[in-house]
Amino acid sequence: MKLLVTGGAGYIGSFMVNALVSRGDGVVVLDNLKRGHKNAVNESAEFIEGDISDENVLSSIFSERKE
């Protein structure tokens, strides 16, 4: 299963991403990096820098990943 984690570069989000990756899920992380850090994102997750309030970013994420 492929999952989208918003805020996945933050403290709590990065732990969630690690847990999902370790159980075998595909993970896409969306974070604007205002409080998060890109280096906190698991290397196995796909990282997208952007904001959850940006409709164009969300539309792109969902249209390109139809799983």
C-alpha atoms as a PDB file:
ATOM      1  CA  MET A   1       0.000   0.000   0.000  1.00  0.00           C
ATOM      2  CA  LYS A   2       1.239   3.513  -0.764  1.00  0.00           C
ATOM      3  CA  LEU A   3       0.511   6.122   1.877  1.00  0.00           C
ATOM      4  CA  LEU A   4       0.792   9.906   1.965  1.00  0.00           C
ATOM      5  CA  VAL A   5       2.169  11.347   5.197  1.00  0.00           C
ATOM      6  CA  THR A   6       1.833  15.102   5.560  1.00  0.00           C
ATOM      7  CA  GLY A   7       4.350  16.648   7.912  1.00  0.00           C
ATOM      8  CA  GLY A   8       6.536  13.582   7.547  1.00  0.00           C
ATOM      9  CA  ALA A   9       9.749  15.571   8.010  1.00  0.00           C
ATOM     10  CA  GLY A  10       8.767  16.667  11.507  1.00  0.00           C
ATOM     11  CA  TYR A  11       9.457  14.895  14.791  1.00  0.00           C
ATOM     12  CA  ILE A  12       6.272  12.820  15.034  1.00  0.00           C
ATOM     13  CA  GLY A  13       5.812  12.460  11.283  1.00  0.00           C
ATOM     14  CA  SER A  14       9.306  11.096  10.742  1.00  0.00           C
ATOM     15  CA  PHE A  15       8.732   8.388  13.369  1.00  0.00           C
ATOM     16  CA  MET A  16       5.463   7.485  11.644  1.00  0.00           C
ATOM     17  CA  VAL A  17       7.210   7.284   8.273  1.00  0.00           C
ATOM     18  CA  ASN A  18       9.888   4.995   9.745  1.00  0.00           C
ATOM     19  CA  ALA A  19       7.225   2.698  11.192  1.00  0.00           C
ATOM     20  CA  LEU A  20       5.326   2.528   7.890  1.00  0.00           C
ATOM     21  CA  VAL A  21       8.483   1.888   5.863  1.00  0.00           C
ATOM     22  CA  SER A  22       9.618  -0.817   8.284  1.00  0.00           C
ATOM     23  CA  ARG A  23       6.323  -2.686   7.849  1.00  0.00           C
ATOM     24  CA  GLY A  24       6.739  -2.582   4.078  1.00  0.00           C
ATOM     25  CA  ASP A  25       4.445   0.267   3.024  1.00  0.00           C
ATOM     26  CA  GLY A  26       5.347   2.657   0.243  1.00  0.00           C
ATOM     27  CA  VAL A  27       5.408   6.176   1.659  1.00  0.00           C
ATOM     28  CA  VAL A  28       5.163   9.601   0.064  1.00  0.00           C
ATOM     29  CA  VAL A  29       6.057  12.466   2.400  1.00  0.00           C
ATOM     30  CA  LEU A  30       4.665  15.949   1.822  1.00  0.00           C
ATOM     31  CA  ASP A  31       6.232  18.647   3.973  1.00  0.00           C
ATOM     32  CA  ASN A  32       6.843  22.374   3.561  1.00  0.00           C
ATOM     33  CA  LEU A  33       9.951  22.181   5.806  1.00  0.00           C
ATOM     34  CA  LYS A  34       8.892  25.178   7.920  1.00  0.00           C
ATOM     35  CA  ARG A  35       9.405  23.088  11.057  1.00  0.00           C
ATOM     36  CA  GLY A  36      10.586  19.773   9.646  1.00  0.00           C
ATOM     37  CA  HIS A  37      13.945  18.697   8.288  1.00  0.00           C
ATOM     38  CA  LYS A  38      14.431  16.842   5.038  1.00  0.00           C
ATOM     39  CA  ASN A  39      17.246  14.754   6.536  1.00  0.00           C
ATOM     40  CA  ALA A  40      14.717  13.348   9.060  1.00  0.00           C
ATOM     41  CA  VAL A  41      12.814  11.624   6.229  1.00  0.00           C
ATOM     42  CA  ASN A  42      13.534   7.934   5.751  1.00  0.00           C
ATOM     43  CA  GLU A  43      15.554   7.378   2.548  1.00  0.00           C
ATOM     44  CA  SER A  44      13.052   4.759   1.399  1.00  0.00           C
ATOM     45  CA  ALA A  45      10.222   7.288   1.355  1.00  0.00           C
ATOM     46  CA  GLU A  46       9.547   9.598  -1.561  1.00  0.00           C
ATOM     47  CA  PHE A  47       9.864  13.234  -0.431  1.00  0.00           C
ATOM     48  CA  ILE A  48       7.928  16.141  -1.914  1.00  0.00           C
ATOM     49  CA  GLU A  49       8.489  19.659  -0.651  1.00  0.00           C
ATOM     50  CA  GLY A  50       5.175  21.454  -0.687  1.00  0.00           C
ATOM     51  CA  ASP A  51       2.246  22.661   1.351  1.00  0.00           C
ATOM     52  CA  ILE A  52      -0.931  20.726   2.112  1.00  0.00           C
ATOM     53  CA  SER A  53      -2.952  23.840   1.268  1.00  0.00           C
ATOM     54  CA  ASP A  54      -1.606  23.948  -2.316  1.00  0.00           C
ATOM     55  CA  GLU A  55      -4.254  22.321  -4.499  1.00  0.00           C
ATOM     56  CA  ASN A  56      -1.837  22.001  -7.430  1.00  0.00           C
ATOM     57  CA  VAL A  57       0.653  20.014  -5.367  1.00  0.00           C
ATOM     58  CA  LEU A  58      -2.051  17.680  -4.045  1.00  0.00           C
ATOM     59  CA  SER A  59      -3.583  17.230  -7.490  1.00  0.00           C
ATOM     60  CA  SER A  60      -0.164  16.333  -8.889  1.00  0.00           C
ATOM     61  CA  ILE A  61       0.535  13.849  -6.102  1.00  0.00           C
ATOM     62  CA  PHE A  62      -2.751  12.006  -6.554  1.00  0.00           C
ATOM     63  CA  SER A  63      -2.822  12.063 -10.368  1.00  0.00           C
ATOM     64  CA  GLU A  64       0.743  10.714 -10.705  1.00  0.00           C
ATOM     65  CA  ARG A  65       0.318   7.949  -8.117  1.00  0.00           C
ATOM     66  CA  LYS A  66      -2.790   5.905  -8.854  1.00  0.00           C
ATOM     67  CA  GLU A  67      -2.154   2.803  -6.754  1.00  0.00           C
END
